[in-house]
Amino acid sequence: MKRLALTCLLALVPSAFADESSHRLAEEVVRKSFSSASADEWRTRMQQDEVQAWCSAYRNNPPAHIAQRIVESQQRAIRYPADGKLMGDWREGEKLASIGTGGHIGWIQPDSPDRKKGGNCYACHLMAPGEVAAGTIGPSLTGYGKTRGSSPEAIKYTYDKIYNAQAFMPCSLMPRFGHNGWLTPEEVAHSVALLLDPQSPVNR
């Protein structure tokens, strides 16, 4: 608990008052919180890739030339389903959007490695109007397909945005679901269908 409290305290220190040693101490505290009993997968998550390092260095507000490099690199990294279909089954997408399990760490309620991962989309977005536990961190997506339509351009944009939002908005707070392997390309396509299919509860 002391380590957690210290980490939270350092995170609240404005950058103008936090010197480099404070940042090193905060990083060391976080790294040590991953005990030897933790899975290697989780310890490796402490290693930032180039984009994460840029976003950290510029506090999610990179200069224009760095922002452009982020967008271009992330667009090049987008991968698509083997069958080429970018819009799958909205029913499968609905299941993925509601799953908030998978990836939990710690000693109280850790997840097994084979536990189903989902998008947990309702944590940030309102989609189906009947959902009472939707978050407001992200924009409402209710009626998304009604306003966007289902043209090939709309489908591709939606797929790419779910796969890796930073291909459009550098340092976006939205997880890079496909890029990080949290969702497969096929699962991203199912999520596209949830947003665009006229029969989806998002659009009814």
N, C-alpha and C. Protein backbone atom coordinates (compact mmCIF):
# COMPACT_ATOMS: atom_id res chain seq x y z
N MET A 1 0.81 -1.20 0.00
CA MET A 1 0.00 0.00 0.00
C MET A 1 0.85 1.26 0.00
N LYS A 2 1.99 1.20 0.72
CA LYS A 2 2.87 2.37 0.75
C LYS A 2 3.40 2.67 -0.65
N ARG A 3 3.77 1.60 -1.37
CA ARG A 3 4.29 1.80 -2.70
C ARG A 3 3.23 2.37 -3.62
N LEU A 4 1.99 1.89 -3.49
CA LEU A 4 0.90 2.40 -4.30
C LEU A 4 0.65 3.86 -4.00
N ALA A 5 0.66 4.21 -2.72
CA ALA A 5 0.43 5.59 -2.33
C ALA A 5 1.51 6.51 -2.88
N LEU A 6 2.77 6.05 -2.84
CA LEU A 6 3.87 6.85 -3.33
C LEU A 6 3.75 7.05 -4.84
N THR A 7 3.37 6.00 -5.54
CA THR A 7 3.21 6.10 -6.98
C THR A 7 2.13 7.12 -7.33
N CYS A 8 1.00 7.04 -6.63
CA CYS A 8 -0.09 7.98 -6.87
C CYS A 8 0.34 9.41 -6.57
N LEU A 9 1.11 9.58 -5.50
CA LEU A 9 1.57 10.91 -5.12
C LEU A 9 2.47 11.50 -6.19
N LEU A 10 3.41 10.69 -6.68
CA LEU A 10 4.33 11.18 -7.71
C LEU A 10 3.59 11.50 -9.00
N ALA A 11 2.54 10.74 -9.27
CA ALA A 11 1.78 10.98 -10.50
C ALA A 11 1.07 12.31 -10.46
N LEU A 12 0.79 12.82 -9.26
CA LEU A 12 0.06 14.07 -9.12
C LEU A 12 0.98 15.28 -9.09
N VAL A 13 2.28 15.04 -9.02
CA VAL A 13 3.22 16.16 -8.96
C VAL A 13 3.33 16.79 -10.34
N PRO A 14 3.04 18.10 -10.47
CA PRO A 14 3.14 18.73 -11.78
C PRO A 14 4.55 18.62 -12.33
N SER A 15 4.66 18.54 -13.65
CA SER A 15 5.96 18.35 -14.26
C SER A 15 6.92 19.48 -13.93
N ALA A 16 6.40 20.67 -13.70
CA ALA A 16 7.25 21.80 -13.39
C ALA A 16 7.99 21.63 -12.08
N PHE A 17 7.45 20.79 -11.19
CA PHE A 17 8.03 20.60 -9.87
C PHE A 17 8.67 19.23 -9.70
N ALA A 18 8.53 18.37 -10.68
CA ALA A 18 9.06 17.02 -10.57
C ALA A 18 10.34 16.92 -11.38
N ASP A 19 11.46 16.66 -10.72
CA ASP A 19 12.71 16.54 -11.45
C ASP A 19 12.87 15.12 -11.98
N GLU A 20 13.95 14.92 -12.72
CA GLU A 20 14.16 13.63 -13.36
C GLU A 20 14.30 12.51 -12.34
N SER A 21 14.88 12.78 -11.19
CA SER A 21 15.05 11.73 -10.19
C SER A 21 13.69 11.28 -9.65
N SER A 22 12.74 12.20 -9.57
CA SER A 22 11.39 11.83 -9.11
C SER A 22 10.73 10.88 -10.10
N HIS A 23 10.91 11.17 -11.39
CA HIS A 23 10.33 10.29 -12.40
C HIS A 23 11.00 8.91 -12.37
N ARG A 24 12.31 8.88 -12.17
CA ARG A 24 13.01 7.60 -12.08
C ARG A 24 12.52 6.81 -10.88
N LEU A 25 12.31 7.50 -9.75
CA LEU A 25 11.83 6.83 -8.55
C LEU A 25 10.44 6.26 -8.77
N ALA A 26 9.57 7.04 -9.42
CA ALA A 26 8.21 6.55 -9.68
C ALA A 26 8.24 5.31 -10.56
N GLU A 27 9.09 5.32 -11.59
CA GLU A 27 9.18 4.17 -12.48
C GLU A 27 9.72 2.95 -11.73
N GLU A 28 10.70 3.17 -10.87
CA GLU A 28 11.27 2.07 -10.10
C GLU A 28 10.22 1.45 -9.17
N VAL A 29 9.41 2.31 -8.55
CA VAL A 29 8.37 1.82 -7.64
C VAL A 29 7.37 0.95 -8.39
N VAL A 30 6.95 1.42 -9.58
CA VAL A 30 5.99 0.65 -10.36
C VAL A 30 6.59 -0.68 -10.79
N ARG A 31 7.84 -0.67 -11.23
CA ARG A 31 8.48 -1.91 -11.67
C ARG A 31 8.58 -2.91 -10.51
N LYS A 32 8.93 -2.43 -9.32
CA LYS A 32 9.07 -3.33 -8.19
C LYS A 32 7.73 -3.89 -7.72
N SER A 33 6.65 -3.21 -8.09
CA SER A 33 5.33 -3.72 -7.68
C SER A 33 4.98 -4.99 -8.43
N PHE A 34 5.70 -5.28 -9.53
CA PHE A 34 5.52 -6.54 -10.25
C PHE A 34 6.46 -7.55 -9.60
N SER A 35 5.93 -8.33 -8.70
CA SER A 35 6.76 -9.26 -7.94
C SER A 35 7.24 -10.40 -8.82
N SER A 36 8.12 -11.20 -8.26
CA SER A 36 8.63 -12.36 -9.00
C SER A 36 7.52 -13.36 -9.30
N ALA A 37 6.39 -13.23 -8.57
CA ALA A 37 5.28 -14.14 -8.81
C ALA A 37 4.43 -13.70 -9.99
N SER A 38 4.66 -12.47 -10.49
CA SER A 38 3.87 -11.96 -11.60
C SER A 38 4.30 -12.63 -12.89
N ALA A 39 3.37 -12.74 -13.80
CA ALA A 39 3.67 -13.34 -15.10
C ALA A 39 4.60 -12.43 -15.88
N ASP A 40 5.50 -13.04 -16.65
CA ASP A 40 6.43 -12.27 -17.47
C ASP A 40 5.69 -11.33 -18.42
N GLU A 41 4.53 -11.77 -18.90
CA GLU A 41 3.76 -10.95 -19.83
C GLU A 41 3.49 -9.57 -19.25
N TRP A 42 3.19 -9.53 -17.96
CA TRP A 42 2.83 -8.25 -17.35
C TRP A 42 4.06 -7.39 -17.09
N ARG A 43 5.17 -8.03 -16.75
CA ARG A 43 6.39 -7.24 -16.54
C ARG A 43 6.87 -6.61 -17.84
N THR A 44 6.67 -7.32 -18.95
CA THR A 44 7.10 -6.76 -20.23
C THR A 44 6.25 -5.56 -20.64
N ARG A 45 5.07 -5.42 -20.05
CA ARG A 45 4.23 -4.28 -20.39
C ARG A 45 4.81 -2.96 -19.88
N MET A 46 5.79 -3.06 -19.01
CA MET A 46 6.46 -1.86 -18.53
C MET A 46 7.39 -1.27 -19.57
N GLN A 47 7.70 -2.04 -20.61
CA GLN A 47 8.58 -1.56 -21.67
C GLN A 47 7.75 -0.80 -22.71
N GLN A 48 8.02 0.49 -22.84
CA GLN A 48 7.28 1.30 -23.79
C GLN A 48 7.80 1.10 -25.21
N ASP A 49 6.88 1.11 -26.17
CA ASP A 49 7.33 1.15 -27.55
C ASP A 49 7.59 2.60 -27.93
N GLU A 50 8.01 2.83 -29.16
CA GLU A 50 8.41 4.18 -29.57
C GLU A 50 7.28 5.19 -29.41
N VAL A 51 6.07 4.80 -29.79
CA VAL A 51 4.93 5.72 -29.72
C VAL A 51 4.61 6.06 -28.27
N GLN A 52 4.59 5.06 -27.40
CA GLN A 52 4.32 5.32 -25.98
C GLN A 52 5.38 6.24 -25.38
N ALA A 53 6.64 6.03 -25.78
CA ALA A 53 7.71 6.88 -25.27
C ALA A 53 7.53 8.32 -25.72
N TRP A 54 7.14 8.51 -26.98
CA TRP A 54 6.89 9.87 -27.46
C TRP A 54 5.75 10.52 -26.69
N CYS A 55 4.66 9.78 -26.51
CA CYS A 55 3.49 10.36 -25.83
C CYS A 55 3.82 10.70 -24.38
N SER A 56 4.63 9.87 -23.73
CA SER A 56 5.05 10.16 -22.36
C SER A 56 5.95 11.39 -22.33
N ALA A 57 6.89 11.45 -23.25
CA ALA A 57 7.84 12.56 -23.27
C ALA A 57 7.15 13.90 -23.50
N TYR A 58 6.10 13.90 -24.30
CA TYR A 58 5.40 15.14 -24.62
C TYR A 58 4.07 15.26 -23.89
N ARG A 59 3.87 14.41 -22.88
CA ARG A 59 2.65 14.47 -22.05
C ARG A 59 1.39 14.49 -22.92
N ASN A 60 1.36 13.58 -23.91
CA ASN A 60 0.23 13.38 -24.82
C ASN A 60 -0.07 14.59 -25.69
N ASN A 61 0.89 15.48 -25.85
CA ASN A 61 0.70 16.65 -26.71
C ASN A 61 1.95 16.86 -27.56
N PRO A 62 2.23 15.91 -28.46
CA PRO A 62 3.47 15.98 -29.24
C PRO A 62 3.44 17.12 -30.24
N PRO A 63 4.61 17.65 -30.59
CA PRO A 63 4.66 18.67 -31.65
C PRO A 63 4.23 18.07 -32.98
N ALA A 64 3.95 18.94 -33.92
CA ALA A 64 3.34 18.50 -35.18
C ALA A 64 4.16 17.45 -35.91
N HIS A 65 5.48 17.59 -35.93
CA HIS A 65 6.28 16.64 -36.70
C HIS A 65 6.31 15.26 -36.04
N ILE A 66 6.26 15.22 -34.71
CA ILE A 66 6.18 13.94 -34.00
C ILE A 66 4.79 13.34 -34.16
N ALA A 67 3.76 14.17 -34.08
CA ALA A 67 2.39 13.69 -34.26
C ALA A 67 2.22 13.04 -35.63
N GLN A 68 2.82 13.66 -36.65
CA GLN A 68 2.72 13.10 -37.99
C GLN A 68 3.44 11.76 -38.07
N ARG A 69 4.59 11.63 -37.43
CA ARG A 69 5.32 10.37 -37.43
C ARG A 69 4.52 9.28 -36.74
N ILE A 70 3.83 9.64 -35.64
CA ILE A 70 3.00 8.66 -34.94
C ILE A 70 1.89 8.16 -35.85
N VAL A 71 1.16 9.08 -36.47
CA VAL A 71 0.04 8.71 -37.34
C VAL A 71 0.52 7.81 -38.48
N GLU A 72 1.60 8.21 -39.13
CA GLU A 72 2.08 7.44 -40.27
C GLU A 72 2.56 6.04 -39.86
N SER A 73 3.27 5.95 -38.75
CA SER A 73 3.77 4.64 -38.31
C SER A 73 2.64 3.72 -37.90
N GLN A 74 1.61 4.28 -37.26
CA GLN A 74 0.51 3.46 -36.79
C GLN A 74 -0.41 3.04 -37.94
N GLN A 75 -0.54 3.89 -38.95
CA GLN A 75 -1.33 3.50 -40.13
C GLN A 75 -0.66 2.35 -40.87
N ARG A 76 0.67 2.39 -40.94
CA ARG A 76 1.39 1.31 -41.63
C ARG A 76 1.28 -0.02 -40.90
N ALA A 77 1.02 0.04 -39.59
CA ALA A 77 1.01 -1.17 -38.77
C ALA A 77 -0.36 -1.85 -38.70
N ILE A 78 -1.38 -1.27 -39.31
CA ILE A 78 -2.72 -1.86 -39.25
C ILE A 78 -2.76 -3.14 -40.07
N ARG A 79 -3.36 -4.18 -39.49
CA ARG A 79 -3.50 -5.47 -40.16
C ARG A 79 -4.98 -5.80 -40.28
N TYR A 80 -5.33 -6.57 -41.32
CA TYR A 80 -6.72 -6.86 -41.63
C TYR A 80 -6.99 -8.36 -41.59
N PRO A 81 -8.27 -8.75 -41.46
CA PRO A 81 -8.61 -10.17 -41.42
C PRO A 81 -8.12 -10.89 -42.68
N ALA A 82 -7.79 -12.17 -42.53
CA ALA A 82 -7.28 -12.96 -43.66
C ALA A 82 -8.27 -13.03 -44.80
N ASP A 83 -9.58 -13.03 -44.49
CA ASP A 83 -10.59 -13.12 -45.54
C ASP A 83 -10.92 -11.77 -46.17
N GLY A 84 -10.31 -10.70 -45.65
CA GLY A 84 -10.51 -9.37 -46.22
C GLY A 84 -11.81 -8.70 -45.81
N LYS A 85 -12.63 -9.36 -45.01
CA LYS A 85 -13.92 -8.78 -44.60
C LYS A 85 -13.72 -7.92 -43.35
N LEU A 86 -14.02 -6.64 -43.47
CA LEU A 86 -13.82 -5.71 -42.36
C LEU A 86 -15.06 -5.52 -41.51
N MET A 87 -16.15 -6.17 -41.89
CA MET A 87 -17.39 -6.08 -41.12
C MET A 87 -17.89 -7.49 -40.85
N GLY A 88 -17.90 -7.89 -39.60
CA GLY A 88 -18.26 -9.25 -39.24
C GLY A 88 -19.69 -9.38 -38.76
N ASP A 89 -19.88 -10.04 -37.64
CA ASP A 89 -21.19 -10.34 -37.07
C ASP A 89 -21.43 -9.43 -35.86
N TRP A 90 -22.45 -8.60 -35.93
CA TRP A 90 -22.69 -7.66 -34.83
C TRP A 90 -22.99 -8.37 -33.52
N ARG A 91 -23.55 -9.58 -33.59
CA ARG A 91 -23.86 -10.32 -32.36
C ARG A 91 -22.57 -10.67 -31.60
N GLU A 92 -21.55 -11.05 -32.37
CA GLU A 92 -20.25 -11.31 -31.75
C GLU A 92 -19.63 -10.01 -31.23
N GLY A 93 -19.83 -8.95 -31.98
CA GLY A 93 -19.33 -7.64 -31.53
C GLY A 93 -19.99 -7.19 -30.25
N GLU A 94 -21.29 -7.48 -30.13
CA GLU A 94 -22.02 -7.12 -28.91
C GLU A 94 -21.45 -7.85 -27.71
N LYS A 95 -21.10 -9.12 -27.89
CA LYS A 95 -20.50 -9.89 -26.79
C LYS A 95 -19.16 -9.27 -26.38
N LEU A 96 -18.33 -8.96 -27.37
CA LEU A 96 -17.01 -8.40 -27.09
C LEU A 96 -17.11 -7.06 -26.38
N ALA A 97 -18.08 -6.26 -26.78
CA ALA A 97 -18.23 -4.93 -26.19
C ALA A 97 -18.59 -5.00 -24.72
N SER A 98 -19.25 -6.08 -24.32
CA SER A 98 -19.71 -6.22 -22.94
C SER A 98 -18.73 -6.93 -22.03
N ILE A 99 -17.71 -7.55 -22.62
CA ILE A 99 -16.76 -8.30 -21.81
C ILE A 99 -15.74 -7.37 -21.18
N GLY A 100 -15.68 -7.37 -19.86
CA GLY A 100 -14.70 -6.56 -19.16
C GLY A 100 -13.65 -7.39 -18.46
N THR A 101 -13.66 -8.69 -18.73
CA THR A 101 -12.69 -9.58 -18.09
C THR A 101 -11.51 -9.80 -19.02
N GLY A 102 -10.54 -10.51 -18.50
CA GLY A 102 -9.34 -10.78 -19.26
C GLY A 102 -8.28 -9.75 -18.95
N GLY A 103 -7.11 -10.20 -18.57
CA GLY A 103 -6.02 -9.27 -18.35
C GLY A 103 -5.90 -8.74 -16.95
N HIS A 104 -6.76 -9.16 -16.02
CA HIS A 104 -6.63 -8.69 -14.65
C HIS A 104 -5.37 -9.28 -14.00
N ILE A 105 -4.67 -8.47 -13.25
CA ILE A 105 -3.47 -8.93 -12.58
C ILE A 105 -3.60 -8.71 -11.08
N GLY A 106 -2.63 -9.18 -10.33
CA GLY A 106 -2.64 -8.99 -8.89
C GLY A 106 -2.86 -10.29 -8.16
N TRP A 107 -3.06 -10.16 -6.88
CA TRP A 107 -3.16 -11.34 -6.03
C TRP A 107 -4.59 -11.61 -5.57
N ILE A 108 -5.47 -10.66 -5.76
CA ILE A 108 -6.84 -10.81 -5.26
C ILE A 108 -7.71 -11.53 -6.28
N GLN A 109 -7.70 -11.06 -7.53
CA GLN A 109 -8.57 -11.65 -8.54
C GLN A 109 -7.86 -11.71 -9.89
N PRO A 110 -6.77 -12.44 -9.98
CA PRO A 110 -6.07 -12.53 -11.27
C PRO A 110 -6.85 -13.39 -12.25
N ASP A 111 -6.70 -13.08 -13.53
CA ASP A 111 -7.35 -13.86 -14.57
C ASP A 111 -6.42 -14.96 -15.05
N SER A 112 -6.99 -16.08 -15.42
CA SER A 112 -6.20 -17.13 -16.04
C SER A 112 -5.83 -16.68 -17.45
N PRO A 113 -4.70 -17.15 -17.98
CA PRO A 113 -4.25 -16.70 -19.30
C PRO A 113 -5.25 -16.95 -20.42
N ASP A 114 -6.11 -17.97 -20.24
CA ASP A 114 -7.04 -18.30 -21.32
C ASP A 114 -8.41 -17.64 -21.15
N ARG A 115 -8.53 -16.76 -20.16
CA ARG A 115 -9.84 -16.11 -19.97
C ARG A 115 -10.14 -15.17 -21.13
N LYS A 116 -11.37 -15.16 -21.57
CA LYS A 116 -11.78 -14.39 -22.75
C LYS A 116 -11.55 -12.91 -22.54
N LYS A 117 -10.89 -12.29 -23.52
CA LYS A 117 -10.68 -10.85 -23.49
C LYS A 117 -11.75 -10.17 -24.34
N GLY A 118 -12.14 -9.00 -23.94
CA GLY A 118 -13.13 -8.26 -24.70
C GLY A 118 -12.73 -6.79 -24.80
N GLY A 119 -13.58 -6.02 -25.44
CA GLY A 119 -13.29 -4.60 -25.61
C GLY A 119 -13.66 -3.75 -24.41
N ASN A 120 -14.61 -4.25 -23.59
CA ASN A 120 -15.09 -3.47 -22.44
C ASN A 120 -15.49 -2.06 -22.91
N CYS A 121 -16.14 -2.00 -24.06
CA CYS A 121 -16.44 -0.72 -24.71
C CYS A 121 -17.35 0.19 -23.88
N TYR A 122 -18.24 -0.44 -23.11
CA TYR A 122 -19.19 0.36 -22.33
C TYR A 122 -18.53 1.09 -21.17
N ALA A 123 -17.28 0.75 -20.88
CA ALA A 123 -16.58 1.49 -19.83
C ALA A 123 -16.37 2.95 -20.23
N CYS A 124 -16.34 3.20 -21.54
CA CYS A 124 -16.06 4.55 -22.03
C CYS A 124 -17.16 5.14 -22.90
N HIS A 125 -17.97 4.28 -23.53
CA HIS A 125 -18.93 4.76 -24.53
C HIS A 125 -20.35 4.30 -24.22
N LEU A 126 -21.31 5.15 -24.57
CA LEU A 126 -22.70 4.72 -24.67
C LEU A 126 -22.90 4.23 -26.09
N MET A 127 -23.46 3.03 -26.22
CA MET A 127 -23.73 2.49 -27.55
C MET A 127 -25.20 2.11 -27.66
N ALA A 128 -25.58 0.93 -27.17
CA ALA A 128 -26.99 0.56 -27.15
C ALA A 128 -27.71 1.45 -26.15
N PRO A 129 -28.78 2.12 -26.55
CA PRO A 129 -29.46 3.07 -25.67
C PRO A 129 -29.93 2.47 -24.35
N GLY A 130 -30.19 1.16 -24.33
CA GLY A 130 -30.71 0.54 -23.11
C GLY A 130 -29.65 0.27 -22.06
N GLU A 131 -28.38 0.44 -22.37
CA GLU A 131 -27.31 0.16 -21.41
C GLU A 131 -27.25 1.26 -20.36
N VAL A 132 -27.42 0.87 -19.08
CA VAL A 132 -27.48 1.86 -18.01
C VAL A 132 -26.13 2.10 -17.35
N ALA A 133 -25.15 1.27 -17.67
CA ALA A 133 -23.85 1.40 -17.01
C ALA A 133 -22.77 1.87 -17.97
N ALA A 134 -23.15 2.69 -18.94
CA ALA A 134 -22.18 3.15 -19.94
C ALA A 134 -21.35 4.30 -19.40
N GLY A 135 -20.11 4.36 -19.86
CA GLY A 135 -19.22 5.43 -19.44
C GLY A 135 -19.35 6.66 -20.32
N THR A 136 -18.69 7.72 -19.90
CA THR A 136 -18.76 8.98 -20.64
C THR A 136 -17.38 9.53 -20.97
N ILE A 137 -16.34 8.70 -20.80
CA ILE A 137 -14.99 9.17 -21.13
C ILE A 137 -14.88 9.42 -22.62
N GLY A 138 -15.47 8.52 -23.41
CA GLY A 138 -15.48 8.68 -24.86
C GLY A 138 -16.82 9.18 -25.33
N PRO A 139 -16.93 9.54 -26.60
CA PRO A 139 -18.21 10.06 -27.13
C PRO A 139 -19.27 8.98 -27.21
N SER A 140 -20.51 9.40 -27.19
CA SER A 140 -21.61 8.46 -27.39
C SER A 140 -21.56 7.92 -28.81
N LEU A 141 -21.78 6.60 -28.94
CA LEU A 141 -21.77 5.96 -30.25
C LEU A 141 -23.16 5.48 -30.65
N THR A 142 -24.17 5.87 -29.88
CA THR A 142 -25.53 5.49 -30.21
C THR A 142 -25.91 6.05 -31.58
N GLY A 143 -26.44 5.18 -32.44
CA GLY A 143 -26.81 5.60 -33.78
C GLY A 143 -25.62 5.82 -34.70
N TYR A 144 -24.49 5.27 -34.35
CA TYR A 144 -23.26 5.48 -35.14
C TYR A 144 -23.46 5.11 -36.60
N GLY A 145 -24.07 3.96 -36.84
CA GLY A 145 -24.27 3.51 -38.22
C GLY A 145 -25.26 4.38 -38.98
N LYS A 146 -26.21 4.95 -38.28
CA LYS A 146 -27.21 5.80 -38.93
C LYS A 146 -26.56 7.07 -39.48
N THR A 147 -25.59 7.59 -38.76
CA THR A 147 -24.94 8.82 -39.21
C THR A 147 -23.77 8.56 -40.14
N ARG A 148 -23.09 7.43 -39.98
CA ARG A 148 -21.92 7.13 -40.81
C ARG A 148 -22.26 6.40 -42.09
N GLY A 149 -23.34 5.61 -42.05
CA GLY A 149 -23.64 4.77 -43.19
C GLY A 149 -22.76 3.53 -43.19
N SER A 150 -22.81 2.77 -44.27
CA SER A 150 -22.04 1.53 -44.34
C SER A 150 -21.28 1.42 -45.65
N SER A 151 -20.79 2.55 -46.13
CA SER A 151 -19.98 2.55 -47.35
C SER A 151 -18.65 1.89 -47.06
N PRO A 152 -17.94 1.44 -48.09
CA PRO A 152 -16.61 0.85 -47.87
C PRO A 152 -15.67 1.80 -47.11
N GLU A 153 -15.80 3.09 -47.37
CA GLU A 153 -14.96 4.07 -46.68
C GLU A 153 -15.30 4.13 -45.20
N ALA A 154 -16.59 4.10 -44.87
CA ALA A 154 -17.01 4.15 -43.46
C ALA A 154 -16.58 2.89 -42.73
N ILE A 155 -16.69 1.75 -43.41
CA ILE A 155 -16.30 0.48 -42.79
C ILE A 155 -14.80 0.47 -42.51
N LYS A 156 -14.01 0.88 -43.49
CA LYS A 156 -12.56 0.88 -43.30
C LYS A 156 -12.14 1.86 -42.21
N TYR A 157 -12.73 3.05 -42.21
CA TYR A 157 -12.38 4.04 -41.18
C TYR A 157 -12.69 3.48 -39.79
N THR A 158 -13.86 2.88 -39.64
CA THR A 158 -14.26 2.35 -38.34
C THR A 158 -13.35 1.21 -37.92
N TYR A 159 -13.02 0.34 -38.85
CA TYR A 159 -12.10 -0.76 -38.54
C TYR A 159 -10.75 -0.21 -38.08
N ASP A 160 -10.20 0.70 -38.86
CA ASP A 160 -8.88 1.24 -38.54
C ASP A 160 -8.88 1.96 -37.19
N LYS A 161 -9.95 2.67 -36.90
CA LYS A 161 -10.02 3.43 -35.65
C LYS A 161 -10.07 2.49 -34.45
N ILE A 162 -10.81 1.39 -34.55
CA ILE A 162 -10.87 0.42 -33.46
C ILE A 162 -9.53 -0.31 -33.35
N TYR A 163 -8.97 -0.67 -34.48
CA TYR A 163 -7.71 -1.41 -34.48
C TYR A 163 -6.61 -0.59 -33.82
N ASN A 164 -6.54 0.70 -34.17
CA ASN A 164 -5.50 1.56 -33.61
C ASN A 164 -5.90 3.01 -33.76
N ALA A 165 -6.45 3.57 -32.70
CA ALA A 165 -6.94 4.95 -32.75
C ALA A 165 -5.81 5.95 -33.01
N GLN A 166 -4.58 5.57 -32.68
CA GLN A 166 -3.48 6.50 -32.87
C GLN A 166 -3.08 6.64 -34.33
N ALA A 167 -3.67 5.85 -35.19
CA ALA A 167 -3.48 6.03 -36.62
C ALA A 167 -4.22 7.27 -37.10
N PHE A 168 -5.05 7.84 -36.22
CA PHE A 168 -5.80 9.05 -36.55
C PHE A 168 -5.52 10.18 -35.56
N MET A 169 -5.41 9.83 -34.29
CA MET A 169 -5.22 10.83 -33.25
C MET A 169 -4.02 10.44 -32.39
N PRO A 170 -2.89 11.11 -32.58
CA PRO A 170 -1.69 10.77 -31.81
C PRO A 170 -1.95 10.87 -30.30
N CYS A 171 -1.49 9.86 -29.59
CA CYS A 171 -1.61 9.81 -28.12
C CYS A 171 -3.05 9.74 -27.65
N SER A 172 -3.93 9.20 -28.49
CA SER A 172 -5.32 9.00 -28.10
C SER A 172 -5.38 8.13 -26.85
N LEU A 173 -6.37 8.39 -26.01
CA LEU A 173 -6.57 7.58 -24.80
C LEU A 173 -7.23 6.25 -25.11
N MET A 174 -7.75 6.09 -26.32
CA MET A 174 -8.40 4.83 -26.67
C MET A 174 -7.35 3.74 -26.84
N PRO A 175 -7.57 2.57 -26.25
CA PRO A 175 -6.59 1.48 -26.38
C PRO A 175 -6.36 1.10 -27.84
N ARG A 176 -5.15 0.65 -28.14
CA ARG A 176 -4.82 0.16 -29.48
C ARG A 176 -5.15 -1.33 -29.53
N PHE A 177 -6.44 -1.62 -29.65
CA PHE A 177 -6.94 -2.99 -29.47
C PHE A 177 -6.27 -3.99 -30.41
N GLY A 178 -6.24 -3.68 -31.69
CA GLY A 178 -5.65 -4.62 -32.63
C GLY A 178 -4.13 -4.58 -32.60
N HIS A 179 -3.58 -3.40 -32.54
CA HIS A 179 -2.13 -3.23 -32.55
C HIS A 179 -1.46 -4.00 -31.42
N ASN A 180 -2.08 -3.98 -30.25
CA ASN A 180 -1.52 -4.66 -29.09
C ASN A 180 -1.94 -6.12 -28.98
N GLY A 181 -2.71 -6.61 -29.94
CA GLY A 181 -3.13 -8.00 -29.92
C GLY A 181 -4.20 -8.33 -28.90
N TRP A 182 -4.84 -7.29 -28.37
CA TRP A 182 -5.92 -7.55 -27.40
C TRP A 182 -7.13 -8.14 -28.11
N LEU A 183 -7.44 -7.63 -29.29
CA LEU A 183 -8.48 -8.20 -30.14
C LEU A 183 -7.83 -8.64 -31.46
N THR A 184 -8.31 -9.74 -31.99
CA THR A 184 -7.81 -10.20 -33.29
C THR A 184 -8.44 -9.34 -34.39
N PRO A 185 -7.87 -9.36 -35.60
CA PRO A 185 -8.52 -8.64 -36.70
C PRO A 185 -9.97 -9.05 -36.91
N GLU A 186 -10.25 -10.33 -36.75
CA GLU A 186 -11.63 -10.81 -36.91
C GLU A 186 -12.54 -10.23 -35.83
N GLU A 187 -12.03 -10.11 -34.62
CA GLU A 187 -12.83 -9.54 -33.53
C GLU A 187 -13.04 -8.04 -33.74
N VAL A 188 -12.05 -7.38 -34.29
CA VAL A 188 -12.22 -5.96 -34.63
C VAL A 188 -13.34 -5.83 -35.67
N ALA A 189 -13.36 -6.73 -36.64
CA ALA A 189 -14.41 -6.69 -37.67
C ALA A 189 -15.79 -6.91 -37.06
N HIS A 190 -15.90 -7.77 -36.06
CA HIS A 190 -17.18 -7.95 -35.36
C HIS A 190 -17.58 -6.65 -34.65
N SER A 191 -16.62 -5.96 -34.09
CA SER A 191 -16.90 -4.70 -33.41
C SER A 191 -17.37 -3.64 -34.40
N VAL A 192 -16.82 -3.67 -35.60
CA VAL A 192 -17.27 -2.77 -36.66
C VAL A 192 -18.74 -3.02 -36.96
N ALA A 193 -19.11 -4.29 -37.05
CA ALA A 193 -20.50 -4.63 -37.34
C ALA A 193 -21.44 -4.14 -36.24
N LEU A 194 -21.00 -4.22 -35.00
CA LEU A 194 -21.83 -3.72 -33.90
C LEU A 194 -22.15 -2.25 -34.10
N LEU A 195 -21.19 -1.50 -34.60
CA LEU A 195 -21.39 -0.06 -34.77
C LEU A 195 -22.14 0.31 -36.05
N LEU A 196 -22.01 -0.50 -37.10
CA LEU A 196 -22.53 -0.11 -38.40
C LEU A 196 -23.75 -0.88 -38.88
N ASP A 197 -23.91 -2.11 -38.45
CA ASP A 197 -25.02 -2.92 -38.94
C ASP A 197 -26.36 -2.32 -38.51
N PRO A 198 -27.30 -2.12 -39.45
CA PRO A 198 -28.61 -1.55 -39.10
C PRO A 198 -29.38 -2.37 -38.08
N GLN A 199 -29.11 -3.68 -38.02
CA GLN A 199 -29.81 -4.55 -37.07
C GLN A 199 -29.19 -4.53 -35.68
N SER A 200 -28.04 -3.93 -35.54
CA SER A 200 -27.36 -3.86 -34.24
C SER A 200 -28.17 -3.00 -33.28
N PRO A 201 -28.15 -3.33 -31.98
CA PRO A 201 -28.86 -2.49 -31.00
C PRO A 201 -28.31 -1.07 -30.95
N VAL A 202 -27.11 -0.86 -31.44
CA VAL A 202 -26.55 0.50 -31.49
C VAL A 202 -27.37 1.38 -32.43
N ASN A 203 -27.95 0.77 -33.46
CA ASN A 203 -28.66 1.55 -34.49
C ASN A 203 -30.17 1.34 -34.49
N ARG A 204 -30.69 0.62 -33.52
CA ARG A 204 -32.14 0.42 -33.46
C ARG A 204 -32.77 1.24 -32.34
